[in-house]
Amino acid sequence: MTLYEIKGKFLMGDKMQPFVKEYSAEKESHALEHVYSEFGSKHKTPRDKIKIEEIKKKE
């Protein structure tokens, strides 16, 4: 498993809030899916309101 750091913004109310998350996943796409899943379940934010700015592997 690889550790990925994902930076971006998501819409909370009427403002874009920045975030930085780290996920352990086999592929970058799996880590990205974790982001969408977490914000969707915790904040009810649809995927089109989540803007990913950077994804990088952590060593």
C-alpha atoms as a PDB file:
ATOM      1  CA  MET A   1       0.000   0.000   0.000  1.00  0.00           C
ATOM      2  CA  THR A   2       1.119   3.515  -0.811  1.00  0.00           C
ATOM      3  CA  LEU A   3       0.385   6.659   1.182  1.00  0.00           C
ATOM      4  CA  TYR A   4      -1.151   9.478  -0.890  1.00  0.00           C
ATOM      5  CA  GLU A   5      -1.556  13.110   0.127  1.00  0.00           C
ATOM      6  CA  ILE A   6      -4.512  14.821  -1.528  1.00  0.00           C
ATOM      7  CA  LYS A   7      -4.989  18.595  -1.466  1.00  0.00           C
ATOM      8  CA  GLY A   8      -8.019  20.472  -2.674  1.00  0.00           C
ATOM      9  CA  LYS A   9     -11.149  22.427  -1.797  1.00  0.00           C
ATOM     10  CA  PHE A  10     -14.760  21.499  -1.218  1.00  0.00           C
ATOM     11  CA  LEU A  11     -17.939  23.534  -1.033  1.00  0.00           C
ATOM     12  CA  MET A  12     -19.233  23.896   2.519  1.00  0.00           C
ATOM     13  CA  GLY A  13     -22.248  26.177   2.651  1.00  0.00           C
ATOM     14  CA  ASP A  14     -21.407  28.996   0.279  1.00  0.00           C
ATOM     15  CA  LYS A  15     -17.601  28.919   0.705  1.00  0.00           C
ATOM     16  CA  MET A  16     -14.843  26.703  -0.636  1.00  0.00           C
ATOM     17  CA  GLN A  17     -12.915  25.160   2.264  1.00  0.00           C
ATOM     18  CA  PRO A  18      -9.370  23.875   1.726  1.00  0.00           C
ATOM     19  CA  PHE A  19      -8.392  20.386   2.861  1.00  0.00           C
ATOM     20  CA  VAL A  20      -5.380  18.082   3.008  1.00  0.00           C
ATOM     21  CA  LYS A  21      -6.016  14.362   3.477  1.00  0.00           C
ATOM     22  CA  GLU A  22      -3.743  11.330   3.581  1.00  0.00           C
ATOM     23  CA  TYR A  23      -4.940   7.894   2.555  1.00  0.00           C
ATOM     24  CA  SER A  24      -3.239   4.548   2.242  1.00  0.00           C
ATOM     25  CA  ALA A  25      -4.321   2.841  -0.987  1.00  0.00           C
ATOM     26  CA  GLU A  26      -3.056   0.534  -3.699  1.00  0.00           C
ATOM     27  CA  LYS A  27      -3.777   3.024  -6.508  1.00  0.00           C
ATOM     28  CA  GLU A  28      -4.121   6.784  -6.782  1.00  0.00           C
ATOM     29  CA  SER A  29      -7.693   6.327  -8.030  1.00  0.00           C
ATOM     30  CA  HIS A  30      -8.596   4.398  -4.866  1.00  0.00           C
ATOM     31  CA  ALA A  31      -7.265   7.196  -2.655  1.00  0.00           C
ATOM     32  CA  LEU A  32      -9.265   9.708  -4.681  1.00  0.00           C
ATOM     33  CA  GLU A  33     -12.392   7.603  -4.217  1.00  0.00           C
ATOM     34  CA  HIS A  34     -11.838   7.779  -0.433  1.00  0.00           C
ATOM     35  CA  VAL A  35     -11.931  11.588  -0.631  1.00  0.00           C
ATOM     36  CA  TYR A  36     -15.204  11.646  -2.565  1.00  0.00           C
ATOM     37  CA  SER A  37     -16.727   9.031  -0.270  1.00  0.00           C
ATOM     38  CA  GLU A  38     -15.709  10.800   2.951  1.00  0.00           C
ATOM     39  CA  PHE A  39     -16.922  14.263   1.939  1.00  0.00           C
ATOM     40  CA  GLY A  40     -20.110  12.828   0.507  1.00  0.00           C
ATOM     41  CA  SER A  41     -20.977  10.958   3.686  1.00  0.00           C
ATOM     42  CA  LYS A  42     -19.794  13.485   6.288  1.00  0.00           C
ATOM     43  CA  HIS A  43     -20.694  16.757   4.552  1.00  0.00           C
ATOM     44  CA  LYS A  44     -23.227  15.662   1.906  1.00  0.00           C
ATOM     45  CA  THR A  45     -20.985  17.314  -0.703  1.00  0.00           C
ATOM     46  CA  PRO A  46     -21.541  16.102  -4.279  1.00  0.00           C
ATOM     47  CA  ARG A  47     -18.477  15.089  -6.301  1.00  0.00           C
ATOM     48  CA  ASP A  48     -18.740  18.068  -8.632  1.00  0.00           C
ATOM     49  CA  LYS A  49     -18.310  20.413  -5.632  1.00  0.00           C
ATOM     50  CA  ILE A  50     -14.966  18.838  -4.644  1.00  0.00           C
ATOM     51  CA  LYS A  51     -11.966  20.272  -6.498  1.00  0.00           C
ATOM     52  CA  ILE A  52      -8.754  18.270  -6.322  1.00  0.00           C
ATOM     53  CA  GLU A  53      -5.646  20.442  -6.700  1.00  0.00           C
ATOM     54  CA  GLU A  54      -2.817  17.989  -6.071  1.00  0.00           C
ATOM     55  CA  ILE A  55      -2.218  14.296  -5.450  1.00  0.00           C
ATOM     56  CA  LYS A  56       1.238  13.077  -4.494  1.00  0.00           C
ATOM     57  CA  LYS A  57       2.812   9.936  -3.156  1.00  0.00           C
ATOM     58  CA  LYS A  58       4.318  10.149   0.308  1.00  0.00           C
ATOM     59  CA  GLU A  59       7.489   8.183   0.849  1.00  0.00           C
END
